[in-house]
C-alpha cells in the first residue's frame, strides 16, 4: 500500500474516533445536566472527569488529523 493510502486510512480511522468521542462527550454532558441534582457526588465527579478526558481526547484527535493532512502535502 502506498504511503498516501496509509495516511488516508489513518485519517479515516481518526475521523471515526473523533465522532465517537464527540458523541460520548455530548452524552455525558447531557446526562450531567439532567441528573446533577439527583445523583451523588461520586457520579457527578466521575461524569465531569470523563467529559473532561473525552474533551482532551477530541483535541488530541483533531491535532493528529491536522498533522496527517499536512503530511499529505509533502508526498
PDB file of N, CA and C in Angstrom:
ATOM      1  N   UNK A   1       0.848  -1.173   0.000  1.00  0.00           N
ATOM      2  CA  UNK A   1       0.000   0.000   0.000  1.00  0.00           C
ATOM      3  C   UNK A   1       0.892   1.233   0.000  1.00  0.00           C
ATOM      4  N   UNK A   2       0.529   2.191  -0.801  1.00  0.00           N
ATOM      5  CA  UNK A   2       1.316   3.422  -0.885  1.00  0.00           C
ATOM      6  C   UNK A   2       1.179   4.230   0.396  1.00  0.00           C
ATOM      7  N   UNK A   3       2.165   5.043   0.636  1.00  0.00           N
ATOM      8  CA  UNK A   3       2.188   5.871   1.852  1.00  0.00           C
ATOM      9  C   UNK A   3       0.973   6.789   1.923  1.00  0.00           C
ATOM     10  N   UNK A   4       0.566   7.340   0.787  1.00  0.00           N
ATOM     11  CA  UNK A   4      -0.579   8.247   0.772  1.00  0.00           C
ATOM     12  C   UNK A   4      -1.869   7.516   1.164  1.00  0.00           C
ATOM     13  N   UNK A   5      -1.987   6.255   0.725  1.00  0.00           N
ATOM     14  CA  UNK A   5      -3.170   5.469   1.090  1.00  0.00           C
ATOM     15  C   UNK A   5      -3.182   5.139   2.575  1.00  0.00           C
ATOM     16  N   UNK A   6      -2.014   4.868   3.122  1.00  0.00           N
ATOM     17  CA  UNK A   6      -1.933   4.604   4.562  1.00  0.00           C
ATOM     18  C   UNK A   6      -2.374   5.814   5.375  1.00  0.00           C
ATOM     19  N   UNK A   7      -1.927   6.982   4.968  1.00  0.00           N
ATOM     20  CA  UNK A   7      -2.288   8.203   5.689  1.00  0.00           C
ATOM     21  C   UNK A   7      -3.788   8.472   5.555  1.00  0.00           C
ATOM     22  N   UNK A   8      -4.338   8.230   4.368  1.00  0.00           N
ATOM     23  CA  UNK A   8      -5.779   8.423   4.179  1.00  0.00           C
ATOM     24  C   UNK A   8      -6.590   7.465   5.059  1.00  0.00           C
ATOM     25  N   UNK A   9      -6.148   6.234   5.163  1.00  0.00           N
ATOM     26  CA  UNK A   9      -6.828   5.269   6.029  1.00  0.00           C
ATOM     27  C   UNK A   9      -6.732   5.683   7.495  1.00  0.00           C
ATOM     28  N   UNK A  10      -5.573   6.183   7.899  1.00  0.00           N
ATOM     29  CA  UNK A  10      -5.398   6.650   9.268  1.00  0.00           C
ATOM     30  C   UNK A  10      -6.312   7.832   9.556  1.00  0.00           C
ATOM     31  N   UNK A  11      -6.415   8.751   8.610  1.00  0.00           N
ATOM     32  CA  UNK A  11      -7.311   9.890   8.787  1.00  0.00           C
ATOM     33  C   UNK A  11      -8.755   9.421   8.887  1.00  0.00           C
ATOM     34  N   UNK A  12      -9.137   8.445   8.082  1.00  0.00           N
ATOM     35  CA  UNK A  12     -10.492   7.886   8.162  1.00  0.00           C
ATOM     36  C   UNK A  12     -10.774   7.273   9.521  1.00  0.00           C
ATOM     37  N   UNK A  13      -9.808   6.525  10.047  1.00  0.00           N
ATOM     38  CA  UNK A  13      -9.968   5.943  11.374  1.00  0.00           C
ATOM     39  C   UNK A  13     -10.063   7.023  12.442  1.00  0.00           C
ATOM     40  N   UNK A  14      -9.237   8.049  12.330  1.00  0.00           N
ATOM     41  CA  UNK A  14      -9.265   9.139  13.305  1.00  0.00           C
ATOM     42  C   UNK A  14     -10.583   9.909  13.250  1.00  0.00           C
ATOM     43  N   UNK A  15     -11.190  10.017  12.058  1.00  0.00           N
ATOM     44  CA  UNK A  15     -12.493  10.672  11.953  1.00  0.00           C
ATOM     45  C   UNK A  15     -13.570   9.879  12.680  1.00  0.00           C
ATOM     46  N   UNK A  16     -13.505   8.556  12.589  1.00  0.00           N
ATOM     47  CA  UNK A  16     -14.457   7.719  13.322  1.00  0.00           C
ATOM     48  C   UNK A  16     -14.237   7.873  14.828  1.00  0.00           C
ATOM     49  N   UNK A  17     -12.989   7.880  15.238  1.00  0.00           N
ATOM     50  CA  UNK A  17     -12.660   8.073  16.649  1.00  0.00           C
ATOM     51  C   UNK A  17     -13.143   9.437  17.134  1.00  0.00           C
ATOM     52  N   UNK A  18     -12.968  10.469  16.313  1.00  0.00           N
ATOM     53  CA  UNK A  18     -13.431  11.818  16.645  1.00  0.00           C
ATOM     54  C   UNK A  18     -14.946  11.828  16.841  1.00  0.00           C
ATOM     55  N   UNK A  19     -15.678  11.229  15.918  1.00  0.00           N
ATOM     56  CA  UNK A  19     -17.144  11.209  16.020  1.00  0.00           C
ATOM     57  C   UNK A  19     -17.597  10.453  17.267  1.00  0.00           C
ATOM     58  N   UNK A  20     -16.916   9.368  17.594  1.00  0.00           N
ATOM     59  CA  UNK A  20     -17.252   8.599  18.791  1.00  0.00           C
ATOM     60  C   UNK A  20     -16.995   9.415  20.052  1.00  0.00           C
ATOM     61  N   UNK A  21     -15.859  10.069  20.113  1.00  0.00           N
ATOM     62  CA  UNK A  21     -15.540  10.900  21.278  1.00  0.00           C
ATOM     63  C   UNK A  21     -16.538  12.035  21.442  1.00  0.00           C
ATOM     64  N   UNK A  22     -16.928  12.675  20.341  1.00  0.00           N
ATOM     65  CA  UNK A  22     -17.895  13.773  20.421  1.00  0.00           C
ATOM     66  C   UNK A  22     -19.239  13.256  20.918  1.00  0.00           C
ATOM     67  N   UNK A  23     -19.679  12.116  20.404  1.00  0.00           N
ATOM     68  CA  UNK A  23     -20.971  11.556  20.831  1.00  0.00           C
ATOM     69  C   UNK A  23     -20.961  11.211  22.319  1.00  0.00           C
ATOM     70  N   UNK A  24     -19.894  10.600  22.778  1.00  0.00           N
ATOM     71  CA  UNK A  24     -19.797  10.239  24.195  1.00  0.00           C
ATOM     72  C   UNK A  24     -19.718  11.490  25.059  1.00  0.00           C
ATOM     73  N   UNK A  25     -18.943  12.471  24.613  1.00  0.00           N
ATOM     74  CA  UNK A  25     -18.788  13.714  25.378  1.00  0.00           C
ATOM     75  C   UNK A  25     -20.120  14.447  25.500  1.00  0.00           C
ATOM     76  N   UNK A  26     -20.836  14.570  24.406  1.00  0.00           N
ATOM     77  CA  UNK A  26     -22.139  15.244  24.431  1.00  0.00           C
ATOM     78  C   UNK A  26     -23.119  14.473  25.311  1.00  0.00           C
ATOM     79  N   UNK A  27     -23.096  13.163  25.229  1.00  0.00           N
ATOM     80  CA  UNK A  27     -23.995  12.356  26.055  1.00  0.00           C
ATOM     81  C   UNK A  27     -23.691  12.507  27.542  1.00  0.00           C
ATOM     82  N   UNK A  28     -22.419  12.517  27.892  1.00  0.00           N
ATOM     83  CA  UNK A  28     -22.053  12.705  29.298  1.00  0.00           C
ATOM     84  C   UNK A  28     -22.465  14.079  29.815  1.00  0.00           C
ATOM     85  N   UNK A  29     -22.253  15.097  29.004  1.00  0.00           N
ATOM     86  CA  UNK A  29     -22.632  16.448  29.424  1.00  0.00           C
ATOM     87  C   UNK A  29     -24.148  16.559  29.556  1.00  0.00           C
ATOM     88  N   UNK A  30     -24.887  15.955  28.633  1.00  0.00           N
ATOM     89  CA  UNK A  30     -26.354  15.988  28.721  1.00  0.00           C
ATOM     90  C   UNK A  30     -26.839  15.234  29.948  1.00  0.00           C
ATOM     91  N   UNK A  31     -26.234  14.070  30.220  1.00  0.00           N
ATOM     92  CA  UNK A  31     -26.633  13.312  31.408  1.00  0.00           C
ATOM     93  C   UNK A  31     -26.329  14.112  32.671  1.00  0.00           C
ATOM     94  N   UNK A  32     -25.180  14.720  32.707  1.00  0.00           N
ATOM     95  CA  UNK A  32     -24.786  15.510  33.874  1.00  0.00           C
ATOM     96  C   UNK A  32     -25.727  16.693  34.062  1.00  0.00           C
ATOM     97  N   UNK A  33     -26.101  17.333  32.981  1.00  0.00           N
ATOM     98  CA  UNK A  33     -27.015  18.465  33.055  1.00  0.00           C
ATOM     99  C   UNK A  33     -28.392  18.045  33.568  1.00  0.00           C
ATOM    100  N   UNK A  34     -28.828  16.874  33.157  1.00  0.00           N
ATOM    101  CA  UNK A  34     -30.160  16.406  33.536  1.00  0.00           C
ATOM    102  C   UNK A  34     -30.202  15.844  34.954  1.00  0.00           C
ATOM    103  N   UNK A  35     -29.143  15.189  35.394  1.00  0.00           N
ATOM    104  CA  UNK A  35     -29.181  14.419  36.637  1.00  0.00           C
ATOM    105  C   UNK A  35     -28.260  14.909  37.737  1.00  0.00           C
ATOM    106  N   UNK A  36     -27.694  16.099  37.607  1.00  0.00           N
ATOM    107  CA  UNK A  36     -26.703  16.512  38.601  1.00  0.00           C
ATOM    108  C   UNK A  36     -27.301  16.658  39.996  1.00  0.00           C
ATOM    109  N   UNK A  37     -28.556  17.054  40.105  1.00  0.00           N
ATOM    110  CA  UNK A  37     -29.142  17.255  41.427  1.00  0.00           C
ATOM    111  C   UNK A  37     -29.613  15.949  42.060  1.00  0.00           C
ATOM    112  N   UNK A  38     -29.895  14.951  41.245  1.00  0.00           N
ATOM    113  CA  UNK A  38     -30.423  13.681  41.754  1.00  0.00           C
ATOM    114  C   UNK A  38     -29.335  12.651  42.053  1.00  0.00           C
ATOM    115  N   UNK A  39     -28.218  12.745  41.372  1.00  0.00           N
ATOM    116  CA  UNK A  39     -27.172  11.747  41.572  1.00  0.00           C
ATOM    117  C   UNK A  39     -26.171  12.236  42.610  1.00  0.00           C
ATOM    118  N   UNK A  40     -25.407  11.314  43.091  1.00  0.00           N
ATOM    119  CA  UNK A  40     -24.452  11.635  44.145  1.00  0.00           C
ATOM    120  C   UNK A  40     -23.205  12.321  43.633  1.00  0.00           C
ATOM    121  N   UNK A  41     -22.404  12.757  44.568  1.00  0.00           N
ATOM    122  CA  UNK A  41     -21.172  13.466  44.248  1.00  0.00           C
ATOM    123  C   UNK A  41     -20.232  12.609  43.415  1.00  0.00           C
ATOM    124  N   UNK A  42     -20.149  11.327  43.742  1.00  0.00           N
ATOM    125  CA  UNK A  42     -19.216  10.441  43.036  1.00  0.00           C
ATOM    126  C   UNK A  42     -19.593  10.329  41.563  1.00  0.00           C
ATOM    127  N   UNK A  43     -20.884  10.137  41.270  1.00  0.00           N
ATOM    128  CA  UNK A  43     -21.309  10.038  39.875  1.00  0.00           C
ATOM    129  C   UNK A  43     -21.104  11.356  39.137  1.00  0.00           C
ATOM    130  N   UNK A  44     -21.412  12.456  39.785  1.00  0.00           N
ATOM    131  CA  UNK A  44     -21.216  13.757  39.154  1.00  0.00           C
ATOM    132  C   UNK A  44     -19.737  14.004  38.858  1.00  0.00           C
ATOM    133  N   UNK A  45     -18.898  13.702  39.820  1.00  0.00           N
ATOM    134  CA  UNK A  45     -17.465  13.893  39.635  1.00  0.00           C
ATOM    135  C   UNK A  45     -16.927  12.986  38.535  1.00  0.00           C
ATOM    136  N   UNK A  46     -17.377  11.729  38.526  1.00  0.00           N
ATOM    137  CA  UNK A  46     -16.922  10.783  37.503  1.00  0.00           C
ATOM    138  C   UNK A  46     -17.367  11.236  36.110  1.00  0.00           C
ATOM    139  N   UNK A  47     -18.604  11.701  35.997  1.00  0.00           N
ATOM    140  CA  UNK A  47     -19.098  12.166  34.700  1.00  0.00           C
ATOM    141  C   UNK A  47     -18.328  13.399  34.238  1.00  0.00           C
ATOM    142  N   UNK A  48     -18.066  14.304  35.164  1.00  0.00           N
ATOM    143  CA  UNK A  48     -17.314  15.507  34.814  1.00  0.00           C
ATOM    144  C   UNK A  48     -15.876  15.161  34.419  1.00  0.00           C
ATOM    145  N   UNK A  49     -15.276  14.242  35.140  1.00  0.00           N
ATOM    146  CA  UNK A  49     -13.917  13.805  34.817  1.00  0.00           C
ATOM    147  C   UNK A  49     -13.872  13.137  33.448  1.00  0.00           C
ATOM    148  N   UNK A  50     -14.820  12.253  33.185  1.00  0.00           N
ATOM    149  CA  UNK A  50     -14.851  11.583  31.887  1.00  0.00           C
ATOM    150  C   UNK A  50     -15.122  12.559  30.754  1.00  0.00           C
ATOM    151  N   UNK A  51     -16.017  13.514  30.971  1.00  0.00           N
ATOM    152  CA  UNK A  51     -16.294  14.515  29.943  1.00  0.00           C
ATOM    153  C   UNK A  51     -15.034  15.334  29.652  1.00  0.00           C
ATOM    154  N   UNK A  52     -14.292  15.657  30.695  1.00  0.00           N
ATOM    155  CA  UNK A  52     -13.046  16.388  30.508  1.00  0.00           C
ATOM    156  C   UNK A  52     -12.028  15.552  29.738  1.00  0.00           C
ATOM    157  N   UNK A  53     -11.921  14.278  30.081  1.00  0.00           N
ATOM    158  CA  UNK A  53     -10.976  13.408  29.376  1.00  0.00           C
ATOM    159  C   UNK A  53     -11.352  13.236  27.914  1.00  0.00           C
ATOM    160  N   UNK A  54     -12.646  13.075  27.633  1.00  0.00           N
ATOM    161  CA  UNK A  54     -13.061  12.943  26.246  1.00  0.00           C
ATOM    162  C   UNK A  54     -12.864  14.246  25.485  1.00  0.00           C
ATOM    163  N   UNK A  55     -13.024  15.379  26.151  1.00  0.00           N
ATOM    164  CA  UNK A  55     -12.768  16.671  25.501  1.00  0.00           C
ATOM    165  C   UNK A  55     -11.290  16.805  25.140  1.00  0.00           C
ATOM    166  N   UNK A  56     -10.427  16.394  26.038  1.00  0.00           N
ATOM    167  CA  UNK A  56      -8.989  16.402  25.741  1.00  0.00           C
ATOM    168  C   UNK A  56      -8.692  15.431  24.602  1.00  0.00           C
ATOM    169  N   UNK A  57      -9.356  14.282  24.614  1.00  0.00           N
ATOM    170  CA  UNK A  57      -9.182  13.317  23.527  1.00  0.00           C
ATOM    171  C   UNK A  57      -9.608  13.879  22.190  1.00  0.00           C
ATOM    172  N   UNK A  58     -10.684  14.659  22.184  1.00  0.00           N
ATOM    173  CA  UNK A  58     -11.148  15.293  20.948  1.00  0.00           C
ATOM    174  C   UNK A  58     -10.076  16.235  20.412  1.00  0.00           C
ATOM    175  N   UNK A  59      -9.505  17.030  21.285  1.00  0.00           N
ATOM    176  CA  UNK A  59      -8.458  17.965  20.856  1.00  0.00           C
ATOM    177  C   UNK A  59      -7.253  17.210  20.309  1.00  0.00           C
ATOM    178  N   UNK A  60      -6.855  16.143  20.974  1.00  0.00           N
ATOM    179  CA  UNK A  60      -5.698  15.368  20.507  1.00  0.00           C
ATOM    180  C   UNK A  60      -5.965  14.703  19.165  1.00  0.00           C
ATOM    181  N   UNK A  61      -7.171  14.200  18.973  1.00  0.00           N
ATOM    182  CA  UNK A  61      -7.515  13.561  17.700  1.00  0.00           C
ATOM    183  C   UNK A  61      -7.526  14.596  16.575  1.00  0.00           C
ATOM    184  N   UNK A  62      -8.064  15.767  16.842  1.00  0.00           N
ATOM    185  CA  UNK A  62      -8.081  16.822  15.823  1.00  0.00           C
ATOM    186  C   UNK A  62      -6.653  17.219  15.456  1.00  0.00           C
ATOM    187  N   UNK A  63      -5.792  17.339  16.450  1.00  0.00           N
ATOM    188  CA  UNK A  63      -4.389  17.664  16.162  1.00  0.00           C
ATOM    189  C   UNK A  63      -3.739  16.579  15.305  1.00  0.00           C
ATOM    190  N   UNK A  64      -4.031  15.317  15.604  1.00  0.00           N
ATOM    191  CA  UNK A  64      -3.463  14.214  14.825  1.00  0.00           C
ATOM    192  C   UNK A  64      -3.993  14.236  13.393  1.00  0.00           C
ATOM    193  N   UNK A  65      -5.277  14.530  13.225  1.00  0.00           N
ATOM    194  CA  UNK A  65      -5.851  14.609  11.880  1.00  0.00           C
ATOM    195  C   UNK A  65      -5.180  15.727  11.090  1.00  0.00           C
ATOM    196  N   UNK A  66      -5.054  16.894  11.709  1.00  0.00           N
ATOM    197  CA  UNK A  66      -4.432  18.023  11.009  1.00  0.00           C
ATOM    198  C   UNK A  66      -2.976  17.754  10.659  1.00  0.00           C
ATOM    199  N   UNK A  67      -2.269  17.069  11.565  1.00  0.00           N
ATOM    200  CA  UNK A  67      -0.877  16.731  11.302  1.00  0.00           C
ATOM    201  C   UNK A  67      -0.765  15.792  10.102  1.00  0.00           C
ATOM    202  N   UNK A  68      -1.668  14.826  10.036  1.00  0.00           N
ATOM    203  CA  UNK A  68      -1.638  13.885   8.912  1.00  0.00           C
ATOM    204  C   UNK A  68      -2.066  14.535   7.608  1.00  0.00           C
ATOM    205  N   UNK A  69      -2.992  15.469   7.686  1.00  0.00           N
ATOM    206  CA  UNK A  69      -3.386  16.204   6.478  1.00  0.00           C
ATOM    207  C   UNK A  69      -2.213  17.032   5.957  1.00  0.00           C
ATOM    208  N   UNK A  70      -1.493  17.680   6.874  1.00  0.00           N
ATOM    209  CA  UNK A  70      -0.322  18.468   6.460  1.00  0.00           C
ATOM    210  C   UNK A  70       0.767  17.572   5.878  1.00  0.00           C
ATOM    211  N   UNK A  71       0.891  16.355   6.394  1.00  0.00           N
ATOM    212  CA  UNK A  71       1.916  15.458   5.863  1.00  0.00           C
ATOM    213  C   UNK A  71       1.559  14.972   4.461  1.00  0.00           C
ATOM    214  N   UNK A  72       0.280  15.040   4.090  1.00  0.00           N
ATOM    215  CA  UNK A  72      -0.097  14.656   2.729  1.00  0.00           C
ATOM    216  C   UNK A  72       0.439  15.657   1.702  1.00  0.00           C
ATOM    217  N   UNK A  73       0.614  16.912   2.112  1.00  0.00           N
ATOM    218  CA  UNK A  73       1.151  17.916   1.199  1.00  0.00           C
ATOM    219  C   UNK A  73       2.575  17.589   0.778  1.00  0.00           C
ATOM    220  N   UNK A  74       3.320  16.971   1.677  1.00  0.00           N
ATOM    221  CA  UNK A  74       4.722  16.684   1.416  1.00  0.00           C
ATOM    222  C   UNK A  74       4.921  15.486   0.492  1.00  0.00           C
ATOM    223  N   UNK A  75       3.886  14.692   0.303  1.00  0.00           N
ATOM    224  CA  UNK A  75       4.031  13.481  -0.527  1.00  0.00           C
ATOM    225  C   UNK A  75       3.815  13.754  -1.994  1.00  0.00           C
TER     226      UNK A  75
END
